[in-house]
Amino acid sequence: MNKAITIWGSPNSSKTIFSVKLANELSKTHNVIVVFCDIVAPSLGTILPFISEKDRSLGKALEIPTLTQ
């Protein structure tokens, strides 16, 4: 029962915010993996706004025990 949901749209159309909110809701009943692929506008600042600028990296994100916030 594996499924993939792909979200695309125009720049600045809130794809990242929608994706995070959708993943949050789906995670209440399913295992969810979110893959961000935009190399022009990385999403770490959106999904981890509470982390200082110097600590915003993929390595630091993977060290976080949970991303449910």
PDB file of N, CA and C in Angstrom:
ATOM      1  N   MET A   1       0.829  -1.186   0.000  1.00  0.00           N
ATOM      2  CA  MET A   1       0.000   0.000   0.000  1.00  0.00           C
ATOM      3  C   MET A   1       0.875   1.252   0.000  1.00  0.00           C
ATOM      4  N   ASN A   2       2.048   1.163  -0.586  1.00  0.00           N
ATOM      5  CA  ASN A   2       2.912   2.331  -0.677  1.00  0.00           C
ATOM      6  C   ASN A   2       2.365   3.298  -1.712  1.00  0.00           C
ATOM      7  N   LYS A   3       2.392   4.557  -1.398  1.00  0.00           N
ATOM      8  CA  LYS A   3       1.891   5.594  -2.293  1.00  0.00           C
ATOM      9  C   LYS A   3       2.897   6.732  -2.337  1.00  0.00           C
ATOM     10  N   ALA A   4       2.907   7.420  -3.463  1.00  0.00           N
ATOM     11  CA  ALA A   4       3.737   8.624  -3.610  1.00  0.00           C
ATOM     12  C   ALA A   4       2.820   9.770  -4.011  1.00  0.00           C
ATOM     13  N   ILE A   5       2.996  10.895  -3.367  1.00  0.00           N
ATOM     14  CA  ILE A   5       2.260  12.108  -3.702  1.00  0.00           C
ATOM     15  C   ILE A   5       3.290  13.126  -4.172  1.00  0.00           C
ATOM     16  N   THR A   6       3.089  13.658  -5.354  1.00  0.00           N
ATOM     17  CA  THR A   6       3.991  14.658  -5.908  1.00  0.00           C
ATOM     18  C   THR A   6       3.266  15.993  -5.946  1.00  0.00           C
ATOM     19  N   ILE A   7       3.952  17.032  -5.494  1.00  0.00           N
ATOM     20  CA  ILE A   7       3.369  18.374  -5.472  1.00  0.00           C
ATOM     21  C   ILE A   7       4.260  19.283  -6.295  1.00  0.00           C
ATOM     22  N   TRP A   8       3.676  19.960  -7.234  1.00  0.00           N
ATOM     23  CA  TRP A   8       4.444  20.912  -8.037  1.00  0.00           C
ATOM     24  C   TRP A   8       3.572  22.132  -8.309  1.00  0.00           C
ATOM     25  N   GLY A   9       4.207  23.216  -8.701  1.00  0.00           N
ATOM     26  CA  GLY A   9       3.476  24.441  -9.005  1.00  0.00           C
ATOM     27  C   GLY A   9       4.432  25.576  -9.269  1.00  0.00           C
ATOM     28  N   SER A  10       3.879  26.733  -9.428  1.00  0.00           N
ATOM     29  CA  SER A  10       4.657  27.937  -9.717  1.00  0.00           C
ATOM     30  C   SER A  10       5.523  28.325  -8.532  1.00  0.00           C
ATOM     31  N   PRO A  11       6.604  29.067  -8.783  1.00  0.00           N
ATOM     32  CA  PRO A  11       7.409  29.580  -7.671  1.00  0.00           C
ATOM     33  C   PRO A  11       6.539  30.404  -6.716  1.00  0.00           C
ATOM     34  N   ASN A  12       6.830  30.290  -5.441  1.00  0.00           N
ATOM     35  CA  ASN A  12       6.116  31.035  -4.382  1.00  0.00           C
ATOM     36  C   ASN A  12       4.623  30.713  -4.302  1.00  0.00           C
ATOM     37  N   SER A  13       4.262  29.483  -4.653  1.00  0.00           N
ATOM     38  CA  SER A  13       2.853  29.104  -4.561  1.00  0.00           C
ATOM     39  C   SER A  13       2.557  28.289  -3.304  1.00  0.00           C
ATOM     40  N   SER A  14       3.486  28.287  -2.355  1.00  0.00           N
ATOM     41  CA  SER A  14       3.326  27.631  -1.042  1.00  0.00           C
ATOM     42  C   SER A  14       3.357  26.109  -1.108  1.00  0.00           C
ATOM     43  N   LYS A  15       4.095  25.565  -2.056  1.00  0.00           N
ATOM     44  CA  LYS A  15       4.230  24.111  -2.172  1.00  0.00           C
ATOM     45  C   LYS A  15       4.868  23.508  -0.927  1.00  0.00           C
ATOM     46  N   THR A  16       5.909  24.151  -0.411  1.00  0.00           N
ATOM     47  CA  THR A  16       6.604  23.611   0.759  1.00  0.00           C
ATOM     48  C   THR A  16       5.700  23.614   1.982  1.00  0.00           C
ATOM     49  N   ILE A  17       5.019  24.712   2.221  1.00  0.00           N
ATOM     50  CA  ILE A  17       4.129  24.805   3.380  1.00  0.00           C
ATOM     51  C   ILE A  17       3.012  23.767   3.269  1.00  0.00           C
ATOM     52  N   PHE A  18       2.421  23.663   2.086  1.00  0.00           N
ATOM     53  CA  PHE A  18       1.372  22.661   1.881  1.00  0.00           C
ATOM     54  C   PHE A  18       1.911  21.256   2.110  1.00  0.00           C
ATOM     55  N   SER A  19       3.097  20.984   1.583  1.00  0.00           N
ATOM     56  CA  SER A  19       3.698  19.656   1.724  1.00  0.00           C
ATOM     57  C   SER A  19       3.919  19.295   3.179  1.00  0.00           C
ATOM     58  N   VAL A  20       4.427  20.241   3.954  1.00  0.00           N
ATOM     59  CA  VAL A  20       4.682  19.986   5.383  1.00  0.00           C
ATOM     60  C   VAL A  20       3.373  19.761   6.123  1.00  0.00           C
ATOM     61  N   LYS A  21       2.364  20.561   5.828  1.00  0.00           N
ATOM     62  CA  LYS A  21       1.074  20.388   6.503  1.00  0.00           C
ATOM     63  C   LYS A  21       0.420  19.072   6.113  1.00  0.00           C
ATOM     64  N   LEU A  22       0.500  18.707   4.843  1.00  0.00           N
ATOM     65  CA  LEU A  22      -0.052  17.433   4.400  1.00  0.00           C
ATOM     66  C   LEU A  22       0.679  16.267   5.052  1.00  0.00           C
ATOM     67  N   ALA A  23       2.000  16.334   5.080  1.00  0.00           N
ATOM     68  CA  ALA A  23       2.790  15.275   5.716  1.00  0.00           C
ATOM     69  C   ALA A  23       2.454  15.157   7.198  1.00  0.00           C
ATOM     70  N   ASN A  24       2.261  16.280   7.849  1.00  0.00           N
ATOM     71  CA  ASN A  24       1.913  16.266   9.270  1.00  0.00           C
ATOM     72  C   ASN A  24       0.580  15.550   9.494  1.00  0.00           C
ATOM     73  N   GLU A  25      -0.398  15.847   8.678  1.00  0.00           N
ATOM     74  CA  GLU A  25      -1.697  15.189   8.825  1.00  0.00           C
ATOM     75  C   GLU A  25      -1.607  13.694   8.496  1.00  0.00           C
ATOM     76  N   LEU A  26      -0.933  13.357   7.404  1.00  0.00           N
ATOM     77  CA  LEU A  26      -0.809  11.950   7.021  1.00  0.00           C
ATOM     78  C   LEU A  26      -0.018  11.142   8.049  1.00  0.00           C
ATOM     79  N   SER A  27       0.922  11.809   8.720  1.00  0.00           N
ATOM     80  CA  SER A  27       1.756  11.091   9.695  1.00  0.00           C
ATOM     81  C   SER A  27       0.968  10.642  10.922  1.00  0.00           C
ATOM     82  N   LYS A  28      -0.228  11.146  11.076  1.00  0.00           N
ATOM     83  CA  LYS A  28      -1.059  10.719  12.206  1.00  0.00           C
ATOM     84  C   LYS A  28      -1.561   9.290  12.025  1.00  0.00           C
ATOM     85  N   THR A  29      -1.605   8.822  10.761  1.00  0.00           N
ATOM     86  CA  THR A  29      -2.115   7.475  10.507  1.00  0.00           C
ATOM     87  C   THR A  29      -1.197   6.624   9.627  1.00  0.00           C
ATOM     88  N   HIS A  30      -0.141   7.238   9.071  1.00  0.00           N
ATOM     89  CA  HIS A  30       0.755   6.523   8.154  1.00  0.00           C
ATOM     90  C   HIS A  30       2.200   6.905   8.442  1.00  0.00           C
ATOM     91  N   ASN A  31       3.126   6.071   7.987  1.00  0.00           N
ATOM     92  CA  ASN A  31       4.529   6.461   7.977  1.00  0.00           C
ATOM     93  C   ASN A  31       4.737   7.372   6.772  1.00  0.00           C
ATOM     94  N   VAL A  32       5.441   8.478   6.980  1.00  0.00           N
ATOM     95  CA  VAL A  32       5.589   9.483   5.925  1.00  0.00           C
ATOM     96  C   VAL A  32       7.057   9.843   5.748  1.00  0.00           C
ATOM     97  N   ILE A  33       7.469   9.948   4.508  1.00  0.00           N
ATOM     98  CA  ILE A  33       8.791  10.477   4.160  1.00  0.00           C
ATOM     99  C   ILE A  33       8.560  11.656   3.238  1.00  0.00           C
ATOM    100  N   VAL A  34       9.178  12.787   3.545  1.00  0.00           N
ATOM    101  CA  VAL A  34       9.069  13.980   2.699  1.00  0.00           C
ATOM    102  C   VAL A  34      10.414  14.204   2.037  1.00  0.00           C
ATOM    103  N   VAL A  35      10.406  14.367   0.732  1.00  0.00           N
ATOM    104  CA  VAL A  35      11.626  14.607  -0.030  1.00  0.00           C
ATOM    105  C   VAL A  35      11.493  15.960  -0.710  1.00  0.00           C
ATOM    106  N   PHE A  36      12.378  16.891  -0.361  1.00  0.00           N
ATOM    107  CA  PHE A  36      12.406  18.202  -0.998  1.00  0.00           C
ATOM    108  C   PHE A  36      13.511  18.202  -2.042  1.00  0.00           C
ATOM    109  N   CYS A  37      13.207  18.656  -3.233  1.00  0.00           N
ATOM    110  CA  CYS A  37      14.157  18.558  -4.350  1.00  0.00           C
ATOM    111  C   CYS A  37      14.512  19.909  -4.965  1.00  0.00           C
ATOM    112  N   ASP A  38      14.147  21.009  -4.358  1.00  0.00           N
ATOM    113  CA  ASP A  38      14.403  22.322  -4.936  1.00  0.00           C
ATOM    114  C   ASP A  38      15.782  22.814  -4.514  1.00  0.00           C
ATOM    115  N   ILE A  39      16.745  22.778  -5.429  1.00  0.00           N
ATOM    116  CA  ILE A  39      18.102  23.215  -5.089  1.00  0.00           C
ATOM    117  C   ILE A  39      18.248  24.727  -5.148  1.00  0.00           C
ATOM    118  N   VAL A  40      17.283  25.410  -5.772  1.00  0.00           N
ATOM    119  CA  VAL A  40      17.350  26.876  -5.869  1.00  0.00           C
ATOM    120  C   VAL A  40      16.889  27.518  -4.568  1.00  0.00           C
ATOM    121  N   ALA A  41      15.838  26.978  -3.958  1.00  0.00           N
ATOM    122  CA  ALA A  41      15.294  27.531  -2.720  1.00  0.00           C
ATOM    123  C   ALA A  41      15.163  26.418  -1.692  1.00  0.00           C
ATOM    124  N   PRO A  42      16.247  26.079  -0.996  1.00  0.00           N
ATOM    125  CA  PRO A  42      16.193  24.982  -0.020  1.00  0.00           C
ATOM    126  C   PRO A  42      15.106  25.192   1.035  1.00  0.00           C
ATOM    127  N   SER A  43      14.512  24.116   1.468  1.00  0.00           N
ATOM    128  CA  SER A  43      13.353  24.167   2.358  1.00  0.00           C
ATOM    129  C   SER A  43      13.678  24.130   3.837  1.00  0.00           C
ATOM    130  N   LEU A  44      14.932  23.953   4.211  1.00  0.00           N
ATOM    131  CA  LEU A  44      15.248  23.809   5.640  1.00  0.00           C
ATOM    132  C   LEU A  44      14.804  25.010   6.466  1.00  0.00           C
ATOM    133  N   GLY A  45      14.868  26.196   5.910  1.00  0.00           N
ATOM    134  CA  GLY A  45      14.412  27.375   6.647  1.00  0.00           C
ATOM    135  C   GLY A  45      12.924  27.363   6.910  1.00  0.00           C
ATOM    136  N   THR A  46      12.168  26.698   6.051  1.00  0.00           N
ATOM    137  CA  THR A  46      10.719  26.607   6.233  1.00  0.00           C
ATOM    138  C   THR A  46      10.349  25.532   7.233  1.00  0.00           C
ATOM    139  N   ILE A  47      11.001  24.372   7.124  1.00  0.00           N
ATOM    140  CA  ILE A  47      10.609  23.275   8.011  1.00  0.00           C
ATOM    141  C   ILE A  47      11.323  23.328   9.359  1.00  0.00           C
ATOM    142  N   LEU A  48      12.407  24.103   9.462  1.00  0.00           N
ATOM    143  CA  LEU A  48      13.138  24.244  10.728  1.00  0.00           C
ATOM    144  C   LEU A  48      13.368  25.720  11.059  1.00  0.00           C
ATOM    145  N   PRO A  49      12.315  26.528  11.147  1.00  0.00           N
ATOM    146  CA  PRO A  49      12.507  27.967  11.362  1.00  0.00           C
ATOM    147  C   PRO A  49      13.077  28.313  12.732  1.00  0.00           C
ATOM    148  N   PHE A  50      12.975  27.400  13.693  1.00  0.00           N
ATOM    149  CA  PHE A  50      13.414  27.663  15.061  1.00  0.00           C
ATOM    150  C   PHE A  50      14.903  27.429  15.243  1.00  0.00           C
ATOM    151  N   ILE A  51      15.593  26.954  14.223  1.00  0.00           N
ATOM    152  CA  ILE A  51      17.027  26.676  14.313  1.00  0.00           C
ATOM    153  C   ILE A  51      17.803  27.875  13.778  1.00  0.00           C
ATOM    154  N   SER A  52      18.873  28.244  14.449  1.00  0.00           N
ATOM    155  CA  SER A  52      19.666  29.399  14.019  1.00  0.00           C
ATOM    156  C   SER A  52      20.243  29.169  12.629  1.00  0.00           C
ATOM    157  N   GLU A  53      20.527  30.246  11.926  1.00  0.00           N
ATOM    158  CA  GLU A  53      21.001  30.180  10.540  1.00  0.00           C
ATOM    159  C   GLU A  53      22.250  29.311  10.395  1.00  0.00           C
ATOM    160  N   LYS A  54      23.187  29.419  11.331  1.00  0.00           N
ATOM    161  CA  LYS A  54      24.436  28.655  11.222  1.00  0.00           C
ATOM    162  C   LYS A  54      24.228  27.151  11.394  1.00  0.00           C
ATOM    163  N   ASP A  55      23.119  26.750  12.021  1.00  0.00           N
ATOM    164  CA  ASP A  55      22.849  25.329  12.251  1.00  0.00           C
ATOM    165  C   ASP A  55      21.896  24.727  11.226  1.00  0.00           C
ATOM    166  N   ARG A  56      21.478  25.519  10.224  1.00  0.00           N
ATOM    167  CA  ARG A  56      20.561  25.008   9.203  1.00  0.00           C
ATOM    168  C   ARG A  56      21.338  24.274   8.126  1.00  0.00           C
ATOM    169  N   SER A  57      21.442  22.996   8.303  1.00  0.00           N
ATOM    170  CA  SER A  57      22.097  22.139   7.312  1.00  0.00           C
ATOM    171  C   SER A  57      21.409  20.790   7.350  1.00  0.00           C
ATOM    172  N   LEU A  58      21.600  20.012   6.314  1.00  0.00           N
ATOM    173  CA  LEU A  58      20.990  18.691   6.279  1.00  0.00           C
ATOM    174  C   LEU A  58      21.504  17.825   7.420  1.00  0.00           C
ATOM    175  N   GLY A  59      22.789  17.924   7.713  1.00  0.00           N
ATOM    176  CA  GLY A  59      23.361  17.156   8.814  1.00  0.00           C
ATOM    177  C   GLY A  59      22.709  17.476  10.141  1.00  0.00           C
ATOM    178  N   LYS A  60      22.525  18.763  10.419  1.00  0.00           N
ATOM    179  CA  LYS A  60      21.883  19.161  11.662  1.00  0.00           C
ATOM    180  C   LYS A  60      20.417  18.707  11.690  1.00  0.00           C
ATOM    181  N   ALA A  61      19.741  18.783  10.543  1.00  0.00           N
ATOM    182  CA  ALA A  61      18.342  18.347  10.490  1.00  0.00           C
ATOM    183  C   ALA A  61      18.227  16.859  10.790  1.00  0.00           C
ATOM    184  N   LEU A  62      19.166  16.085  10.293  1.00  0.00           N
ATOM    185  CA  LEU A  62      19.118  14.631  10.529  1.00  0.00           C
ATOM    186  C   LEU A  62      19.483  14.267  11.962  1.00  0.00           C
ATOM    187  N   GLU A  63      20.136  15.170  12.699  1.00  0.00           N
ATOM    188  CA  GLU A  63      20.453  14.921  14.105  1.00  0.00           C
ATOM    189  C   GLU A  63      19.260  15.126  15.018  1.00  0.00           C
ATOM    190  N   ILE A  64      18.238  15.832  14.549  1.00  0.00           N
ATOM    191  CA  ILE A  64      17.068  16.130  15.374  1.00  0.00           C
ATOM    192  C   ILE A  64      16.292  14.828  15.611  1.00  0.00           C
ATOM    193  N   PRO A  65      15.970  14.518  16.856  1.00  0.00           N
ATOM    194  CA  PRO A  65      15.301  13.251  17.142  1.00  0.00           C
ATOM    195  C   PRO A  65      13.898  13.152  16.535  1.00  0.00           C
ATOM    196  N   THR A  66      13.223  14.259  16.376  1.00  0.00           N
ATOM    197  CA  THR A  66      11.881  14.251  15.786  1.00  0.00           C
ATOM    198  C   THR A  66      11.612  15.575  15.092  1.00  0.00           C
ATOM    199  N   LEU A  67      10.887  15.530  13.996  1.00  0.00           N
ATOM    200  CA  LEU A  67      10.529  16.744  13.262  1.00  0.00           C
ATOM    201  C   LEU A  67       9.031  17.002  13.337  1.00  0.00           C
ATOM    202  N   THR A  68       8.381  16.537  14.365  1.00  0.00           N
ATOM    203  CA  THR A  68       6.935  16.678  14.448  1.00  0.00           C
ATOM    204  C   THR A  68       6.490  18.089  14.775  1.00  0.00           C
ATOM    205  N   GLN A  69       7.416  18.949  15.172  1.00  0.00           N
ATOM    206  CA  GLN A  69       7.031  20.319  15.470  1.00  0.00           C
ATOM    207  C   GLN A  69       6.636  21.006  14.201  1.00  0.00           C
TER     208      GLN A  69
END
